[in-house]
Amino acid sequence: MRVISRKIFREFSEEHTDAKEALYAWYRVASKATWQNLLDVQQIYPKAEAVGNFTVFNIKGNRYRLIVDLVYVSQRIYVKYVLTHAEYDKDEWKNDPYF
């Protein structure tokens, strides 16, 4: 799958340096994947879940949340947000127009 865009990873990792390795490990796996549906994703990431139109991944032992828009037909992953668990719980990301 094509992951768009890693810029969010770089920006988040500047402030949360402990997330960098985990985010790029996820990137390496996702960019080689050919997922067709959420069940395919969950074979590798069992705790990944669909929330609205997005897919949410736990990063670094659930310390961070990666929120993406997975478009299986075009094999693209649009990285929407990387949040701390506390930021995720505020639900402000759900105001995204694509949610």
PDB file of N, CA and C in Angstrom:
ATOM      1  N   MET A   1       0.851  -1.178   0.000  1.00  0.00           N
ATOM      2  CA  MET A   1       0.000   0.000   0.000  1.00  0.00           C
ATOM      3  C   MET A   1       0.894   1.238   0.000  1.00  0.00           C
ATOM      4  N   ARG A   2       0.388   2.280  -0.589  1.00  0.00           N
ATOM      5  CA  ARG A   2       1.136   3.539  -0.612  1.00  0.00           C
ATOM      6  C   ARG A   2       0.692   4.398   0.572  1.00  0.00           C
ATOM      7  N   VAL A   3       1.650   4.771   1.406  1.00  0.00           N
ATOM      8  CA  VAL A   3       1.356   5.555   2.609  1.00  0.00           C
ATOM      9  C   VAL A   3       1.596   7.031   2.307  1.00  0.00           C
ATOM     10  N   ILE A   4       0.573   7.842   2.530  1.00  0.00           N
ATOM     11  CA  ILE A   4       0.622   9.287   2.286  1.00  0.00           C
ATOM     12  C   ILE A   4       0.199   9.973   3.579  1.00  0.00           C
ATOM     13  N   SER A   5       0.890  10.693   4.261  1.00  0.00           N
ATOM     14  CA  SER A   5       2.217  11.205   4.070  1.00  0.00           C
ATOM     15  C   SER A   5       2.999  10.968   5.353  1.00  0.00           C
ATOM     16  N   ARG A   6       4.293  10.721   5.188  1.00  0.00           N
ATOM     17  CA  ARG A   6       5.161  10.494   6.350  1.00  0.00           C
ATOM     18  C   ARG A   6       5.495  11.796   7.067  1.00  0.00           C
ATOM     19  N   LYS A   7       5.171  12.912   6.478  1.00  0.00           N
ATOM     20  CA  LYS A   7       5.466  14.205   7.104  1.00  0.00           C
ATOM     21  C   LYS A   7       4.858  14.278   8.511  1.00  0.00           C
ATOM     22  N   ILE A   8       3.674  13.751   8.675  1.00  0.00           N
ATOM     23  CA  ILE A   8       3.014  13.750   9.983  1.00  0.00           C
ATOM     24  C   ILE A   8       3.852  12.967  10.992  1.00  0.00           C
ATOM     25  N   PHE A   9       4.456  11.857  10.554  1.00  0.00           N
ATOM     26  CA  PHE A   9       5.321  11.071  11.429  1.00  0.00           C
ATOM     27  C   PHE A   9       6.519  11.901  11.882  1.00  0.00           C
ATOM     28  N   ARG A  10       7.147  12.587  10.928  1.00  0.00           N
ATOM     29  CA  ARG A  10       8.322  13.404  11.265  1.00  0.00           C
ATOM     30  C   ARG A  10       7.951  14.489  12.277  1.00  0.00           C
ATOM     31  N   GLU A  11       6.853  15.186  12.008  1.00  0.00           N
ATOM     32  CA  GLU A  11       6.444  16.274  12.896  1.00  0.00           C
ATOM     33  C   GLU A  11       6.114  15.762  14.295  1.00  0.00           C
ATOM     34  N   PHE A  12       5.389  14.668  14.385  1.00  0.00           N
ATOM     35  CA  PHE A  12       5.018  14.107  15.679  1.00  0.00           C
ATOM     36  C   PHE A  12       6.252  13.616  16.423  1.00  0.00           C
ATOM     37  N   SER A  13       7.172  12.992  15.696  1.00  0.00           N
ATOM     38  CA  SER A  13       8.378  12.433  16.308  1.00  0.00           C
ATOM     39  C   SER A  13       9.318  13.498  16.848  1.00  0.00           C
ATOM     40  N   GLU A  14       9.230  14.707  16.325  1.00  0.00           N
ATOM     41  CA  GLU A  14      10.059  15.788  16.854  1.00  0.00           C
ATOM     42  C   GLU A  14       9.709  16.086  18.308  1.00  0.00           C
ATOM     43  N   GLU A  15       8.438  16.007  18.626  1.00  0.00           N
ATOM     44  CA  GLU A  15       7.990  16.278  19.993  1.00  0.00           C
ATOM     45  C   GLU A  15       7.955  15.016  20.853  1.00  0.00           C
ATOM     46  N   HIS A  16       7.655  13.896  20.222  1.00  0.00           N
ATOM     47  CA  HIS A  16       7.526  12.614  20.935  1.00  0.00           C
ATOM     48  C   HIS A  16       8.554  11.645  20.347  1.00  0.00           C
ATOM     49  N   THR A  17       9.793  11.841  20.722  1.00  0.00           N
ATOM     50  CA  THR A  17      10.887  11.078  20.118  1.00  0.00           C
ATOM     51  C   THR A  17      10.763   9.571  20.342  1.00  0.00           C
ATOM     52  N   ASP A  18      10.117   9.170  21.426  1.00  0.00           N
ATOM     53  CA  ASP A  18       9.976   7.739  21.694  1.00  0.00           C
ATOM     54  C   ASP A  18       9.009   7.055  20.730  1.00  0.00           C
ATOM     55  N   ALA A  19       8.238   7.813  19.966  1.00  0.00           N
ATOM     56  CA  ALA A  19       7.273   7.243  19.018  1.00  0.00           C
ATOM     57  C   ALA A  19       7.901   6.955  17.656  1.00  0.00           C
ATOM     58  N   LYS A  20       9.039   7.561  17.379  1.00  0.00           N
ATOM     59  CA  LYS A  20       9.623   7.502  16.032  1.00  0.00           C
ATOM     60  C   LYS A  20       9.833   6.076  15.537  1.00  0.00           C
ATOM     61  N   GLU A  21      10.502   5.265  16.316  1.00  0.00           N
ATOM     62  CA  GLU A  21      10.804   3.897  15.887  1.00  0.00           C
ATOM     63  C   GLU A  21       9.526   3.097  15.630  1.00  0.00           C
ATOM     64  N   ALA A  22       8.549   3.223  16.510  1.00  0.00           N
ATOM     65  CA  ALA A  22       7.293   2.482  16.364  1.00  0.00           C
ATOM     66  C   ALA A  22       6.512   2.948  15.134  1.00  0.00           C
ATOM     67  N   LEU A  23       6.496   4.246  14.892  1.00  0.00           N
ATOM     68  CA  LEU A  23       5.784   4.769  13.714  1.00  0.00           C
ATOM     69  C   LEU A  23       6.429   4.288  12.422  1.00  0.00           C
ATOM     70  N   TYR A  24       7.748   4.315  12.369  1.00  0.00           N
ATOM     71  CA  TYR A  24       8.414   3.877  11.151  1.00  0.00           C
ATOM     72  C   TYR A  24       8.363   2.363  10.982  1.00  0.00           C
ATOM     73  N   ALA A  25       8.271   1.626  12.069  1.00  0.00           N
ATOM     74  CA  ALA A  25       8.070   0.176  11.971  1.00  0.00           C
ATOM     75  C   ALA A  25       6.696  -0.094  11.361  1.00  0.00           C
ATOM     76  N   TRP A  26       5.687   0.641  11.814  1.00  0.00           N
ATOM     77  CA  TRP A  26       4.342   0.509  11.225  1.00  0.00           C
ATOM     78  C   TRP A  26       4.395   0.866   9.736  1.00  0.00           C
ATOM     79  N   TYR A  27       5.093   1.937   9.397  1.00  0.00           N
ATOM     80  CA  TYR A  27       5.211   2.375   8.002  1.00  0.00           C
ATOM     81  C   TYR A  27       5.822   1.277   7.130  1.00  0.00           C
ATOM     82  N   ARG A  28       6.894   0.664   7.608  1.00  0.00           N
ATOM     83  CA  ARG A  28       7.554  -0.380   6.825  1.00  0.00           C
ATOM     84  C   ARG A  28       6.607  -1.544   6.547  1.00  0.00           C
ATOM     85  N   VAL A  29       5.837  -1.939   7.537  1.00  0.00           N
ATOM     86  CA  VAL A  29       4.885  -3.035   7.359  1.00  0.00           C
ATOM     87  C   VAL A  29       3.758  -2.611   6.415  1.00  0.00           C
ATOM     88  N   ALA A  30       3.166  -1.466   6.670  1.00  0.00           N
ATOM     89  CA  ALA A  30       2.016  -1.010   5.881  1.00  0.00           C
ATOM     90  C   ALA A  30       2.378  -0.770   4.422  1.00  0.00           C
ATOM     91  N   SER A  31       3.558  -0.232   4.177  1.00  0.00           N
ATOM     92  CA  SER A  31       3.927   0.082   2.795  1.00  0.00           C
ATOM     93  C   SER A  31       4.190  -1.178   1.962  1.00  0.00           C
ATOM     94  N   LYS A  32       4.400  -2.308   2.617  1.00  0.00           N
ATOM     95  CA  LYS A  32       4.592  -3.573   1.899  1.00  0.00           C
ATOM     96  C   LYS A  32       3.311  -4.413   1.838  1.00  0.00           C
ATOM     97  N   ALA A  33       2.292  -3.990   2.564  1.00  0.00           N
ATOM     98  CA  ALA A  33       1.048  -4.758   2.661  1.00  0.00           C
ATOM     99  C   ALA A  33       0.187  -4.599   1.411  1.00  0.00           C
ATOM    100  N   THR A  34      -0.709  -5.543   1.232  1.00  0.00           N
ATOM    101  CA  THR A  34      -1.735  -5.465   0.181  1.00  0.00           C
ATOM    102  C   THR A  34      -3.090  -5.766   0.813  1.00  0.00           C
ATOM    103  N   TRP A  35      -3.410  -5.021   1.857  1.00  0.00           N
ATOM    104  CA  TRP A  35      -4.644  -5.248   2.587  1.00  0.00           C
ATOM    105  C   TRP A  35      -5.862  -5.005   1.708  1.00  0.00           C
ATOM    106  N   GLN A  36      -6.854  -5.866   1.853  1.00  0.00           N
ATOM    107  CA  GLN A  36      -8.101  -5.739   1.103  1.00  0.00           C
ATOM    108  C   GLN A  36      -9.279  -5.344   1.991  1.00  0.00           C
ATOM    109  N   ASN A  37      -9.102  -5.512   3.305  1.00  0.00           N
ATOM    110  CA  ASN A  37     -10.175  -5.188   4.238  1.00  0.00           C
ATOM    111  C   ASN A  37      -9.604  -5.168   5.666  1.00  0.00           C
ATOM    112  N   LEU A  38     -10.437  -4.799   6.615  1.00  0.00           N
ATOM    113  CA  LEU A  38      -9.994  -4.688   8.003  1.00  0.00           C
ATOM    114  C   LEU A  38      -9.521  -6.029   8.559  1.00  0.00           C
ATOM    115  N   LEU A  39     -10.123  -7.115   8.140  1.00  0.00           N
ATOM    116  CA  LEU A  39      -9.686  -8.427   8.626  1.00  0.00           C
ATOM    117  C   LEU A  39      -8.244  -8.710   8.216  1.00  0.00           C
ATOM    118  N   ASP A  40      -7.852  -8.291   7.005  1.00  0.00           N
ATOM    119  CA  ASP A  40      -6.454  -8.436   6.584  1.00  0.00           C
ATOM    120  C   ASP A  40      -5.533  -7.630   7.494  1.00  0.00           C
ATOM    121  N   VAL A  41      -5.944  -6.409   7.810  1.00  0.00           N
ATOM    122  CA  VAL A  41      -5.156  -5.537   8.689  1.00  0.00           C
ATOM    123  C   VAL A  41      -5.001  -6.192  10.057  1.00  0.00           C
ATOM    124  N   GLN A  42      -6.100  -6.737  10.568  1.00  0.00           N
ATOM    125  CA  GLN A  42      -6.091  -7.313  11.911  1.00  0.00           C
ATOM    126  C   GLN A  42      -5.287  -8.603  12.017  1.00  0.00           C
ATOM    127  N   GLN A  43      -4.943  -9.212  10.906  1.00  0.00           N
ATOM    128  CA  GLN A  43      -4.054 -10.374  10.960  1.00  0.00           C
ATOM    129  C   GLN A  43      -2.665  -9.955  11.425  1.00  0.00           C
ATOM    130  N   ILE A  44      -2.283  -8.712  11.105  1.00  0.00           N
ATOM    131  CA  ILE A  44      -0.982  -8.196  11.522  1.00  0.00           C
ATOM    132  C   ILE A  44      -1.111  -7.325  12.762  1.00  0.00           C
ATOM    133  N   TYR A  45      -2.173  -6.531  12.799  1.00  0.00           N
ATOM    134  CA  TYR A  45      -2.434  -5.620  13.923  1.00  0.00           C
ATOM    135  C   TYR A  45      -3.798  -5.966  14.518  1.00  0.00           C
ATOM    136  N   PRO A  46      -3.849  -6.973  15.392  1.00  0.00           N
ATOM    137  CA  PRO A  46      -5.127  -7.458  15.921  1.00  0.00           C
ATOM    138  C   PRO A  46      -5.978  -6.396  16.623  1.00  0.00           C
ATOM    139  N   LYS A  47      -5.356  -5.359  17.165  1.00  0.00           N
ATOM    140  CA  LYS A  47      -6.129  -4.347  17.887  1.00  0.00           C
ATOM    141  C   LYS A  47      -6.536  -3.178  17.005  1.00  0.00           C
ATOM    142  N   ALA A  48      -6.202  -3.210  15.727  1.00  0.00           N
ATOM    143  CA  ALA A  48      -6.651  -2.157  14.809  1.00  0.00           C
ATOM    144  C   ALA A  48      -8.172  -2.207  14.756  1.00  0.00           C
ATOM    145  N   GLU A  49      -8.764  -1.028  14.708  1.00  0.00           N
ATOM    146  CA  GLU A  49     -10.223  -0.991  14.683  1.00  0.00           C
ATOM    147  C   GLU A  49     -10.727   0.114  13.764  1.00  0.00           C
ATOM    148  N   ALA A  50     -11.887  -0.120  13.198  1.00  0.00           N
ATOM    149  CA  ALA A  50     -12.546   0.888  12.378  1.00  0.00           C
ATOM    150  C   ALA A  50     -13.340   1.799  13.305  1.00  0.00           C
ATOM    151  N   VAL A  51     -13.115   3.099  13.157  1.00  0.00           N
ATOM    152  CA  VAL A  51     -13.862   4.099  13.919  1.00  0.00           C
ATOM    153  C   VAL A  51     -14.320   5.142  12.901  1.00  0.00           C
ATOM    154  N   GLY A  52     -15.614   5.179  12.657  1.00  0.00           N
ATOM    155  CA  GLY A  52     -16.116   6.031  11.587  1.00  0.00           C
ATOM    156  C   GLY A  52     -15.532   5.535  10.274  1.00  0.00           C
ATOM    157  N   ASN A  53     -15.043   6.431   9.445  1.00  0.00           N
ATOM    158  CA  ASN A  53     -14.424   6.059   8.177  1.00  0.00           C
ATOM    159  C   ASN A  53     -12.924   5.819   8.293  1.00  0.00           C
ATOM    160  N   PHE A  54     -12.387   5.870   9.495  1.00  0.00           N
ATOM    161  CA  PHE A  54     -10.956   5.741   9.705  1.00  0.00           C
ATOM    162  C   PHE A  54     -10.610   4.409  10.352  1.00  0.00           C
ATOM    163  N   THR A  55      -9.327   4.085  10.290  1.00  0.00           N
ATOM    164  CA  THR A  55      -8.808   2.922  11.004  1.00  0.00           C
ATOM    165  C   THR A  55      -7.819   3.439  12.039  1.00  0.00           C
ATOM    166  N   VAL A  56      -7.933   2.921  13.253  1.00  0.00           N
ATOM    167  CA  VAL A  56      -7.109   3.382  14.371  1.00  0.00           C
ATOM    168  C   VAL A  56      -6.165   2.258  14.785  1.00  0.00           C
ATOM    169  N   PHE A  57      -4.881   2.615  14.890  1.00  0.00           N
ATOM    170  CA  PHE A  57      -3.844   1.678  15.320  1.00  0.00           C
ATOM    171  C   PHE A  57      -3.269   2.144  16.649  1.00  0.00           C
ATOM    172  N   ASN A  58      -2.997   1.183  17.532  1.00  0.00           N
ATOM    173  CA  ASN A  58      -2.274   1.472  18.765  1.00  0.00           C
ATOM    174  C   ASN A  58      -0.788   1.461  18.437  1.00  0.00           C
ATOM    175  N   ILE A  59      -0.097   2.485  18.871  1.00  0.00           N
ATOM    176  CA  ILE A  59       1.335   2.601  18.611  1.00  0.00           C
ATOM    177  C   ILE A  59       2.070   2.666  19.945  1.00  0.00           C
ATOM    178  N   LYS A  60       3.178   1.982  20.007  1.00  0.00           N
ATOM    179  CA  LYS A  60       4.042   1.979  21.203  1.00  0.00           C
ATOM    180  C   LYS A  60       3.260   1.550  22.447  1.00  0.00           C
ATOM    181  N   GLY A  61       2.680   0.363  22.364  1.00  0.00           N
ATOM    182  CA  GLY A  61       1.973  -0.180  23.519  1.00  0.00           C
ATOM    183  C   GLY A  61       0.768   0.636  23.931  1.00  0.00           C
ATOM    184  N   ASN A  62       0.072   1.196  22.957  1.00  0.00           N
ATOM    185  CA  ASN A  62      -1.152   1.982  23.174  1.00  0.00           C
ATOM    186  C   ASN A  62      -0.872   3.354  23.791  1.00  0.00           C
ATOM    187  N   ARG A  63       0.379   3.771  23.768  1.00  0.00           N
ATOM    188  CA  ARG A  63       0.707   5.104  24.272  1.00  0.00           C
ATOM    189  C   ARG A  63       0.260   6.178  23.274  1.00  0.00           C
ATOM    190  N   TYR A  64       0.302   5.813  22.007  1.00  0.00           N
ATOM    191  CA  TYR A  64      -0.091   6.730  20.936  1.00  0.00           C
ATOM    192  C   TYR A  64      -1.119   6.062  20.043  1.00  0.00           C
ATOM    193  N   ARG A  65      -1.850   6.904  19.318  1.00  0.00           N
ATOM    194  CA  ARG A  65      -2.843   6.396  18.376  1.00  0.00           C
ATOM    195  C   ARG A  65      -2.556   6.956  16.995  1.00  0.00           C
ATOM    196  N   LEU A  66      -2.515   6.072  16.024  1.00  0.00           N
ATOM    197  CA  LEU A  66      -2.346   6.435  14.630  1.00  0.00           C
ATOM    198  C   LEU A  66      -3.704   6.281  13.951  1.00  0.00           C
ATOM    199  N   ILE A  67      -4.168   7.355  13.346  1.00  0.00           N
ATOM    200  CA  ILE A  67      -5.478   7.353  12.694  1.00  0.00           C
ATOM    201  C   ILE A  67      -5.258   7.565  11.206  1.00  0.00           C
ATOM    202  N   VAL A  68      -5.747   6.617  10.412  1.00  0.00           N
ATOM    203  CA  VAL A  68      -5.537   6.660   8.969  1.00  0.00           C
ATOM    204  C   VAL A  68      -6.849   6.440   8.227  1.00  0.00           C
ATOM    205  N   ASP A  69      -6.838   6.869   6.985  1.00  0.00           N
ATOM    206  CA  ASP A  69      -7.931   6.575   6.059  1.00  0.00           C
ATOM    207  C   ASP A  69      -7.396   5.526   5.101  1.00  0.00           C
ATOM    208  N   LEU A  70      -7.861   4.300   5.236  1.00  0.00           N
ATOM    209  CA  LEU A  70      -7.419   3.194   4.389  1.00  0.00           C
ATOM    210  C   LEU A  70      -8.347   3.098   3.188  1.00  0.00           C
ATOM    211  N   VAL A  71      -7.787   3.227   2.002  1.00  0.00           N
ATOM    212  CA  VAL A  71      -8.570   3.101   0.774  1.00  0.00           C
ATOM    213  C   VAL A  71      -8.088   1.827   0.080  1.00  0.00           C
ATOM    214  N   TYR A  72      -8.797   0.752   0.343  1.00  0.00           N
ATOM    215  CA  TYR A  72      -8.357  -0.562  -0.112  1.00  0.00           C
ATOM    216  C   TYR A  72      -8.330  -0.666  -1.640  1.00  0.00           C
ATOM    217  N   VAL A  73      -9.309  -0.097  -2.315  1.00  0.00           N
ATOM    218  CA  VAL A  73      -9.411  -0.210  -3.773  1.00  0.00           C
ATOM    219  C   VAL A  73      -8.176   0.364  -4.466  1.00  0.00           C
ATOM    220  N   SER A  74      -7.737   1.529  -4.017  1.00  0.00           N
ATOM    221  CA  SER A  74      -6.566   2.171  -4.639  1.00  0.00           C
ATOM    222  C   SER A  74      -5.259   1.832  -3.917  1.00  0.00           C
ATOM    223  N   GLN A  75      -5.341   1.018  -2.870  1.00  0.00           N
ATOM    224  CA  GLN A  75      -4.171   0.605  -2.096  1.00  0.00           C
ATOM    225  C   GLN A  75      -3.400   1.818  -1.552  1.00  0.00           C
ATOM    226  N   ARG A  76      -4.159   2.757  -0.989  1.00  0.00           N
ATOM    227  CA  ARG A  76      -3.561   3.957  -0.398  1.00  0.00           C
ATOM    228  C   ARG A  76      -3.962   4.073   1.061  1.00  0.00           C
ATOM    229  N   ILE A  77      -3.028   4.590   1.839  1.00  0.00           N
ATOM    230  CA  ILE A  77      -3.277   4.887   3.246  1.00  0.00           C
ATOM    231  C   ILE A  77      -2.971   6.363   3.441  1.00  0.00           C
ATOM    232  N   TYR A  78      -3.972   7.115   3.827  1.00  0.00           N
ATOM    233  CA  TYR A  78      -3.787   8.532   4.106  1.00  0.00           C
ATOM    234  C   TYR A  78      -3.638   8.701   5.618  1.00  0.00           C
ATOM    235  N   VAL A  79      -2.459   9.102   6.044  1.00  0.00           N
ATOM    236  CA  VAL A  79      -2.223   9.317   7.465  1.00  0.00           C
ATOM    237  C   VAL A  79      -2.936  10.606   7.855  1.00  0.00           C
ATOM    238  N   LYS A  80      -3.866  10.497   8.786  1.00  0.00           N
ATOM    239  CA  LYS A  80      -4.653  11.658   9.199  1.00  0.00           C
ATOM    240  C   LYS A  80      -4.097  12.284  10.473  1.00  0.00           C
ATOM    241  N   TYR A  81      -3.873  11.464  11.488  1.00  0.00           N
ATOM    242  CA  TYR A  81      -3.450  11.982  12.787  1.00  0.00           C
ATOM    243  C   TYR A  81      -2.556  10.979  13.499  1.00  0.00           C
ATOM    244  N   VAL A  82      -1.625  11.495  14.266  1.00  0.00           N
ATOM    245  CA  VAL A  82      -0.912  10.720  15.283  1.00  0.00           C
ATOM    246  C   VAL A  82      -1.134  11.506  16.570  1.00  0.00           C
ATOM    247  N   LEU A  83      -1.707  10.834  17.547  1.00  0.00           N
ATOM    248  CA  LEU A  83      -2.102  11.510  18.781  1.00  0.00           C
ATOM    249  C   LEU A  83      -1.612  10.749  20.004  1.00  0.00           C
ATOM    250  N   THR A  84      -1.432  11.479  21.090  1.00  0.00           N
ATOM    251  CA  THR A  84      -1.223  10.792  22.359  1.00  0.00           C
ATOM    252  C   THR A  84      -2.562  10.167  22.733  1.00  0.00           C
ATOM    253  N   HIS A  85      -2.518   9.233  23.662  1.00  0.00           N
ATOM    254  CA  HIS A  85      -3.769   8.608  24.080  1.00  0.00           C
ATOM    255  C   HIS A  85      -4.729   9.661  24.661  1.00  0.00           C
ATOM    256  N   ALA A  86      -4.200  10.607  25.412  1.00  0.00           N
ATOM    257  CA  ALA A  86      -5.042  11.665  26.000  1.00  0.00           C
ATOM    258  C   ALA A  86      -5.678  12.531  24.925  1.00  0.00           C
ATOM    259  N   GLU A  87      -4.918  12.886  23.889  1.00  0.00           N
ATOM    260  CA  GLU A  87      -5.475  13.682  22.790  1.00  0.00           C
ATOM    261  C   GLU A  87      -6.564  12.902  22.054  1.00  0.00           C
ATOM    262  N   TYR A  88      -6.314  11.630  21.849  1.00  0.00           N
ATOM    263  CA  TYR A  88      -7.300  10.765  21.185  1.00  0.00           C
ATOM    264  C   TYR A  88      -8.611  10.740  21.961  1.00  0.00           C
ATOM    265  N   ASP A  89      -8.511  10.607  23.274  1.00  0.00           N
ATOM    266  CA  ASP A  89      -9.700  10.512  24.120  1.00  0.00           C
ATOM    267  C   ASP A  89     -10.555  11.774  24.112  1.00  0.00           C
ATOM    268  N   LYS A  90      -9.984  12.909  23.731  1.00  0.00           N
ATOM    269  CA  LYS A  90     -10.767  14.151  23.654  1.00  0.00           C
ATOM    270  C   LYS A  90     -11.733  14.148  22.476  1.00  0.00           C
ATOM    271  N   ASP A  91     -11.535  13.225  21.533  1.00  0.00           N
ATOM    272  CA  ASP A  91     -12.413  13.043  20.372  1.00  0.00           C
ATOM    273  C   ASP A  91     -12.455  14.221  19.405  1.00  0.00           C
ATOM    274  N   GLU A  92     -11.546  15.178  19.517  1.00  0.00           N
ATOM    275  CA  GLU A  92     -11.556  16.310  18.586  1.00  0.00           C
ATOM    276  C   GLU A  92     -11.268  15.870  17.155  1.00  0.00           C
ATOM    277  N   TRP A  93     -10.525  14.793  16.978  1.00  0.00           N
ATOM    278  CA  TRP A  93     -10.221  14.281  15.648  1.00  0.00           C
ATOM    279  C   TRP A  93     -11.480  13.819  14.924  1.00  0.00           C
ATOM    280  N   LYS A  94     -12.521  13.536  15.667  1.00  0.00           N
ATOM    281  CA  LYS A  94     -13.778  13.101  15.046  1.00  0.00           C
ATOM    282  C   LYS A  94     -14.506  14.243  14.340  1.00  0.00           C
ATOM    283  N   ASN A  95     -13.999  15.473  14.481  1.00  0.00           N
ATOM    284  CA  ASN A  95     -14.568  16.612  13.750  1.00  0.00           C
ATOM    285  C   ASN A  95     -14.048  16.673  12.320  1.00  0.00           C
ATOM    286  N   ASP A  96     -13.137  15.779  11.963  1.00  0.00           N
ATOM    287  CA  ASP A  96     -12.620  15.728  10.597  1.00  0.00           C
ATOM    288  C   ASP A  96     -13.781  15.520   9.634  1.00  0.00           C
ATOM    289  N   PRO A  97     -13.843  16.260   8.540  1.00  0.00           N
ATOM    290  CA  PRO A  97     -14.976  16.126   7.608  1.00  0.00           C
ATOM    291  C   PRO A  97     -15.093  14.749   6.955  1.00  0.00           C
ATOM    292  N   TYR A  98     -14.011  13.967   6.945  1.00  0.00           N
ATOM    293  CA  TYR A  98     -14.067  12.637   6.342  1.00  0.00           C
ATOM    294  C   TYR A  98     -14.438  11.555   7.345  1.00  0.00           C
ATOM    295  N   PHE A  99     -14.564  11.941   8.616  1.00  0.00           N
ATOM    296  CA  PHE A  99     -14.888  10.967   9.653  1.00  0.00           C
ATOM    297  C   PHE A  99     -16.254  10.377   9.356  1.00  0.00           C
TER     298      PHE A  99
END
